């Protein structure tokens, strides 16, 4: 459960980064120091990867939740 939460938190951060890039560009300055965000395509690729991982973890949790572990061999 904690792993799923971590994946979802990371996904939210990447989605926020995507929004920032789309609305403000890949470059920004803090004080006098310029910073550069990763390219948009890299961020979008990571978002897709995280979404797939989240779907796999949620799918596993649903399958495990449907098994009655109190019976020998379990039952679906």
Protein backbone atom coordinates (compact mmCIF):
# COMPACT_ATOMS: atom_id res chain seq x y z
CA UNK A 1 0.00 0.00 0.00
CA UNK A 2 2.84 2.38 0.82
CA UNK A 3 4.44 1.59 -2.55
CA UNK A 4 1.26 2.55 -4.38
CA UNK A 5 1.06 5.81 -2.44
CA UNK A 6 4.68 6.61 -3.33
CA UNK A 7 4.01 5.95 -7.02
CA UNK A 8 0.93 8.18 -6.98
CA UNK A 9 2.81 10.97 -5.18
CA UNK A 10 5.61 10.76 -7.74
CA UNK A 11 3.06 10.83 -10.57
CA UNK A 12 1.51 14.00 -9.12
CA UNK A 13 4.93 15.67 -9.01
CA UNK A 14 5.62 14.77 -12.63
CA UNK A 15 2.18 16.00 -13.67
CA UNK A 16 2.86 19.30 -11.90
CA UNK A 17 6.21 19.51 -13.69
CA UNK A 18 4.47 18.87 -17.02
CA UNK A 19 1.99 21.67 -16.30
CA UNK A 20 4.83 24.02 -15.35
CA UNK A 21 6.70 23.25 -18.56
CA UNK A 22 3.57 23.71 -20.68
CA UNK A 23 2.62 27.02 -19.06
CA UNK A 24 5.99 28.52 -18.14
CA UNK A 25 8.58 26.81 -20.27
CA UNK A 26 11.53 24.59 -19.45
CA UNK A 27 13.74 27.34 -18.03
CA UNK A 28 13.34 29.37 -14.85
CA UNK A 29 15.51 31.43 -12.51
CA UNK A 30 15.80 31.33 -8.74
CA UNK A 31 17.63 34.43 -7.58
CA UNK A 32 20.42 34.83 -10.11
CA UNK A 33 20.72 31.12 -10.82
CA UNK A 34 19.15 29.78 -14.01
CA UNK A 35 17.60 26.30 -13.90
CA UNK A 36 16.34 24.04 -16.63
CA UNK A 37 13.52 21.51 -16.40
CA UNK A 38 13.85 18.19 -18.20
CA UNK A 39 12.52 18.19 -21.77
CA UNK A 40 8.73 17.84 -21.99
CA UNK A 41 8.97 14.52 -23.86
CA UNK A 42 11.05 13.03 -21.01
CA UNK A 43 8.51 14.13 -18.41
CA UNK A 44 5.59 12.79 -20.47
CA UNK A 45 7.36 9.46 -20.96
CA UNK A 46 7.89 9.17 -17.20
CA UNK A 47 4.20 9.98 -16.57
CA UNK A 48 3.15 7.12 -18.88
CA UNK A 49 5.60 4.77 -17.17
CA UNK A 50 4.29 5.69 -13.72
CA UNK A 51 0.66 5.27 -14.85
CA UNK A 52 1.46 1.75 -16.12
CA UNK A 53 3.22 0.85 -12.87
CA UNK A 54 0.30 2.17 -10.81
CA UNK A 55 -2.16 0.14 -12.90
CA UNK A 56 -0.09 -3.02 -12.39
CA UNK A 57 0.11 -2.51 -8.62
CA UNK A 58 -3.61 -1.74 -8.36
CA UNK A 59 -4.39 -4.79 -10.49
CA UNK A 60 -2.33 -7.01 -8.21
CA UNK A 61 -4.06 -5.60 -5.14
CA UNK A 62 -7.49 -6.28 -6.68
CA UNK A 63 -6.53 -9.88 -7.50
CA UNK A 64 -5.18 -10.49 -4.00
CA UNK A 65 -8.23 -8.86 -2.43
CA UNK A 66 -10.49 -11.30 -4.36
CA UNK A 67 -8.80 -14.39 -2.85
CA UNK A 68 -10.04 -15.90 0.41
CA UNK A 69 -6.78 -16.82 2.09
CA UNK A 70 -8.55 -18.55 4.99
CA UNK A 71 -9.27 -21.62 2.82
CA UNK A 72 -6.51 -24.01 1.80
CA UNK A 73 -5.46 -23.00 -1.68
CA UNK A 74 -7.73 -19.94 -1.52
CA UNK A 75 -10.73 -19.37 -3.74
CA UNK A 76 -11.65 -16.58 -6.11
